[in-house]
């Protein structure tokens, strides 16, 4: 089996194996310059108004290599967001199984690349959907605002005091334990006891998007 991830190398375009090429099937590396950034970071890809959870494998001035299942078609217009990079317009240039090469509509400058390197926080995902919260054996219904690997932000008043243990029922397939991290006038945040996996987050977002598109 070909290890496609190991073949990804950044060229001057900032794209693995070039913006308009798929990863090489040969055993030879074809790169014009060392890759700029190797991330393995959470990414948020927007395609036709729908959000998708992806892994940003590498990033350079001209584009990014991501992993997404199922992948979008070649030629698809999208926007990509990852830590330190917000809503960058891009086009899908190649697809190989779950590996996708994106080229940016406008190249990243040094300041943008530096922000990616220096920003540890992953992007959060819009999650306009119902959640149930369980505190001291009492269940209350709420509406979430956004969801990330480490927690969820919820509209309205919290059902407990800061620091209280809370069980979050995101949907029928995902229940997470956490604690109330903070509360404001219109929203509050719950920090998960253990971060979600990318697969768990992707599944929750995909199920919500499927519900909204019905």
Protein backbone atom coordinates (compact mmCIF):
# COMPACT_ATOMS: atom_id res chain seq x y z
CA UNK A 1 0.00 0.00 0.00
CA UNK A 2 1.27 3.47 -0.88
CA UNK A 3 1.78 5.72 2.10
CA UNK A 4 0.39 8.90 0.57
CA UNK A 5 0.80 10.94 3.76
CA UNK A 6 4.53 10.24 3.81
CA UNK A 7 4.81 11.50 0.23
CA UNK A 8 3.37 14.91 0.90
CA UNK A 9 6.01 17.54 0.37
CA UNK A 10 5.63 21.28 0.02
CA UNK A 11 6.73 23.04 -3.18
CA UNK A 12 7.20 26.76 -3.81
CA UNK A 13 3.45 26.95 -4.44
CA UNK A 14 2.84 25.69 -0.92
CA UNK A 15 1.21 22.62 -2.39
CA UNK A 16 2.18 19.00 -2.02
CA UNK A 17 3.67 17.83 -5.31
CA UNK A 18 2.54 21.08 -6.97
CA UNK A 19 -0.84 22.79 -7.06
CA UNK A 20 -2.06 20.99 -10.17
CA UNK A 21 -0.60 17.54 -9.58
CA UNK A 22 -1.63 14.54 -7.55
CA UNK A 23 0.93 12.90 -5.24
CA UNK A 24 3.47 10.95 -7.25
CA UNK A 25 2.98 7.21 -7.66
CA UNK A 26 6.70 6.79 -8.11
CA UNK A 27 9.06 6.44 -5.19
CA UNK A 28 10.84 9.67 -5.99
CA UNK A 29 10.21 12.94 -4.20
CA UNK A 30 9.32 15.79 -6.55
CA UNK A 31 9.68 19.02 -4.64
CA UNK A 32 11.03 22.39 -5.68
CA UNK A 33 11.60 23.61 -2.13
CA UNK A 34 11.25 22.36 1.47
CA UNK A 35 7.72 22.36 2.81
CA UNK A 36 6.79 25.48 4.75
CA UNK A 37 4.65 24.05 7.54
CA UNK A 38 3.69 20.57 8.67
CA UNK A 39 0.62 20.96 10.86
CA UNK A 40 -1.61 17.94 11.43
CA UNK A 41 -4.10 20.54 12.71
CA UNK A 42 -7.88 20.63 12.86
CA UNK A 43 -9.40 22.44 9.90
CA UNK A 44 -12.83 23.79 8.97
CA UNK A 45 -13.65 23.53 5.26
CA UNK A 46 -16.71 25.36 3.93
CA UNK A 47 -18.18 24.07 0.66
CA UNK A 48 -21.44 25.48 -0.75
CA UNK A 49 -22.49 26.77 2.66
CA UNK A 50 -21.83 23.50 4.50
CA UNK A 51 -19.00 23.00 6.99
CA UNK A 52 -16.78 19.95 7.13
CA UNK A 53 -14.18 18.82 9.65
CA UNK A 54 -10.79 18.08 8.07
CA UNK A 55 -7.16 17.63 9.07
CA UNK A 56 -4.74 20.20 7.65
CA UNK A 57 -1.63 18.16 6.99
CA UNK A 58 0.60 20.90 5.57
CA UNK A 59 0.42 24.56 4.61
CA UNK A 60 2.44 26.99 2.50
CA UNK A 61 2.08 30.36 0.79
CA UNK A 62 0.11 28.99 -2.18
CA UNK A 63 -2.08 26.32 -0.66
CA UNK A 64 -2.67 23.50 1.76
CA UNK A 65 -2.86 19.74 1.86
CA UNK A 66 -5.82 18.41 3.82
CA UNK A 67 -7.42 15.07 4.65
CA UNK A 68 -11.20 14.77 4.36
CA UNK A 69 -13.55 11.82 3.94
CA UNK A 70 -15.41 12.04 1.64
CA UNK A 71 -13.31 14.57 -0.29
CA UNK A 72 -14.75 17.33 -2.51
CA UNK A 73 -14.38 17.10 -6.28
CA UNK A 74 -11.51 18.69 -8.21
CA UNK A 75 -12.42 22.26 -9.13
CA UNK A 76 -14.62 22.80 -6.07
CA UNK A 77 -14.50 26.30 -4.57
CA UNK A 78 -14.09 26.31 -0.80
CA UNK A 79 -12.83 28.27 2.16
CA UNK A 80 -10.40 26.74 4.67
CA UNK A 81 -9.85 27.73 8.27
CA UNK A 82 -7.35 26.37 10.76
CA UNK A 83 -5.51 27.68 13.80
CA UNK A 84 -4.40 31.25 13.08
CA UNK A 85 -5.95 31.20 9.58
CA UNK A 86 -9.49 32.44 9.06
CA UNK A 87 -11.70 31.79 6.02
CA UNK A 88 -9.11 31.62 3.23
CA UNK A 89 -10.70 31.15 -0.22
CA UNK A 90 -9.28 28.19 -2.13
CA UNK A 91 -9.90 25.72 -4.97
CA UNK A 92 -9.53 21.94 -4.95
CA UNK A 93 -6.69 21.10 -7.36
CA UNK A 94 -6.26 17.37 -6.82
CA UNK A 95 -7.78 14.48 -4.91
CA UNK A 96 -6.27 11.10 -4.07
CA UNK A 97 -8.49 8.94 -1.84
CA UNK A 98 -8.97 11.12 1.28
CA UNK A 99 -6.04 13.43 0.50
CA UNK A 100 -6.92 16.81 -1.04
CA UNK A 101 -4.72 19.58 -2.45
CA UNK A 102 -6.03 23.14 -2.16
CA UNK A 103 -4.63 26.22 -3.86
CA UNK A 104 -5.37 29.62 -2.31
CA UNK A 105 -7.04 32.28 -4.44
CA UNK A 106 -4.52 34.72 -2.97
CA UNK A 107 -1.14 33.57 -1.55
CA UNK A 108 -0.46 33.77 2.16
CA UNK A 109 2.04 36.36 3.31
CA UNK A 110 4.70 35.86 5.95
CA UNK A 111 2.50 37.41 8.64
CA UNK A 112 -0.30 34.92 7.97
CA UNK A 113 2.11 31.98 8.01
CA UNK A 114 3.62 33.21 11.27
CA UNK A 115 0.13 33.46 12.83
CA UNK A 116 -0.52 29.82 11.94
CA UNK A 117 2.74 28.76 13.56
CA UNK A 118 2.09 30.77 16.72
CA UNK A 119 -1.63 30.06 17.28
CA UNK A 120 -2.34 26.92 19.32
CA UNK A 121 -6.15 27.10 19.39
CA UNK A 122 -8.10 25.07 16.85
CA UNK A 123 -11.11 26.58 15.05
CA UNK A 124 -14.59 26.13 16.45
CA UNK A 125 -17.52 24.95 14.36
CA UNK A 126 -20.92 26.55 14.08
CA UNK A 127 -23.37 24.26 15.83
CA UNK A 128 -26.85 25.74 15.81
CA UNK A 129 -28.54 22.70 17.26
CA UNK A 130 -30.18 21.36 20.43
CA UNK A 131 -28.17 19.90 23.29
CA UNK A 132 -29.24 18.39 26.59
CA UNK A 133 -27.36 19.06 29.82
CA UNK A 134 -27.47 16.80 32.87
CA UNK A 135 -26.53 18.25 36.26
CA UNK A 136 -27.23 16.50 39.57
CA UNK A 137 -29.61 14.09 37.82
CA UNK A 138 -31.59 17.03 36.38
CA UNK A 139 -31.90 17.30 32.59
CA UNK A 140 -32.38 20.66 30.85
CA UNK A 141 -32.67 21.46 27.14
CA UNK A 142 -30.58 24.17 25.51
CA UNK A 143 -29.35 25.35 22.13
CA UNK A 144 -25.66 25.22 21.25
CA UNK A 145 -23.84 28.01 19.43
CA UNK A 146 -20.55 26.41 18.47
CA UNK A 147 -18.59 23.23 19.09
CA UNK A 148 -14.87 22.45 19.23
CA UNK A 149 -12.56 19.68 20.29
CA UNK A 150 -12.35 21.03 23.83
CA UNK A 151 -15.83 22.28 24.56
CA UNK A 152 -19.18 23.71 23.53
CA UNK A 153 -20.70 27.19 23.80
CA UNK A 154 -24.39 27.31 24.66
CA UNK A 155 -26.97 30.09 24.44
CA UNK A 156 -28.87 31.34 27.46
CA UNK A 157 -28.31 30.91 31.20
CA UNK A 158 -26.34 27.98 32.64
CA UNK A 159 -28.10 25.29 34.68
CA UNK A 160 -25.37 25.28 37.35
CA UNK A 161 -22.55 27.31 38.89
CA UNK A 162 -19.06 27.68 37.42
CA UNK A 163 -16.99 24.55 37.95
CA UNK A 164 -20.01 22.28 38.27
CA UNK A 165 -19.86 18.88 36.58
CA UNK A 166 -22.10 18.63 33.52
CA UNK A 167 -22.91 15.81 31.14
CA UNK A 168 -23.51 17.10 27.60
CA UNK A 169 -25.79 15.13 25.27
CA UNK A 170 -24.79 16.57 21.91
CA UNK A 171 -26.87 14.04 19.99
CA UNK A 172 -27.91 10.41 20.25
CA UNK A 173 -24.41 9.26 19.31
CA UNK A 174 -22.24 11.62 21.36
CA UNK A 175 -22.41 12.21 25.13
CA UNK A 176 -19.53 14.06 26.79
CA UNK A 177 -18.64 14.85 30.41
CA UNK A 178 -17.37 18.30 31.29
CA UNK A 179 -17.66 21.29 33.60
CA UNK A 180 -19.06 24.80 33.37
CA UNK A 181 -16.09 26.98 32.41
CA UNK A 182 -17.68 30.42 32.30
CA UNK A 183 -21.02 32.18 31.96
CA UNK A 184 -21.90 35.52 30.37
CA UNK A 185 -25.09 37.51 29.93
CA UNK A 186 -26.26 35.60 26.85
CA UNK A 187 -24.19 32.41 26.72
CA UNK A 188 -22.00 30.02 28.69
CA UNK A 189 -19.24 27.56 27.90
CA UNK A 190 -18.66 23.96 28.92
CA UNK A 191 -15.14 22.55 28.90
CA UNK A 192 -14.95 18.84 28.14
CA UNK A 193 -13.16 16.58 30.62
CA UNK A 194 -11.30 15.04 27.68
CA UNK A 195 -11.06 16.55 24.18
CA UNK A 196 -13.16 15.06 21.42
CA UNK A 197 -11.37 13.14 18.73
CA UNK A 198 -11.44 14.58 15.22
CA UNK A 199 -13.67 11.64 14.24
CA UNK A 200 -16.16 12.43 17.01
CA UNK A 201 -16.27 16.11 16.08
CA UNK A 202 -16.59 15.33 12.36
CA UNK A 203 -19.43 12.92 13.06
CA UNK A 204 -21.37 15.44 15.16
CA UNK A 205 -20.98 18.20 12.55
CA UNK A 206 -21.91 15.87 9.69
CA UNK A 207 -25.05 14.67 11.50
CA UNK A 208 -26.12 18.26 12.21
CA UNK A 209 -25.47 19.36 8.61
CA UNK A 210 -27.50 16.39 7.32
CA UNK A 211 -30.39 17.39 9.59
CA UNK A 212 -30.31 21.01 8.45
CA UNK A 213 -30.26 20.06 4.75
CA UNK A 214 -33.43 17.96 4.94
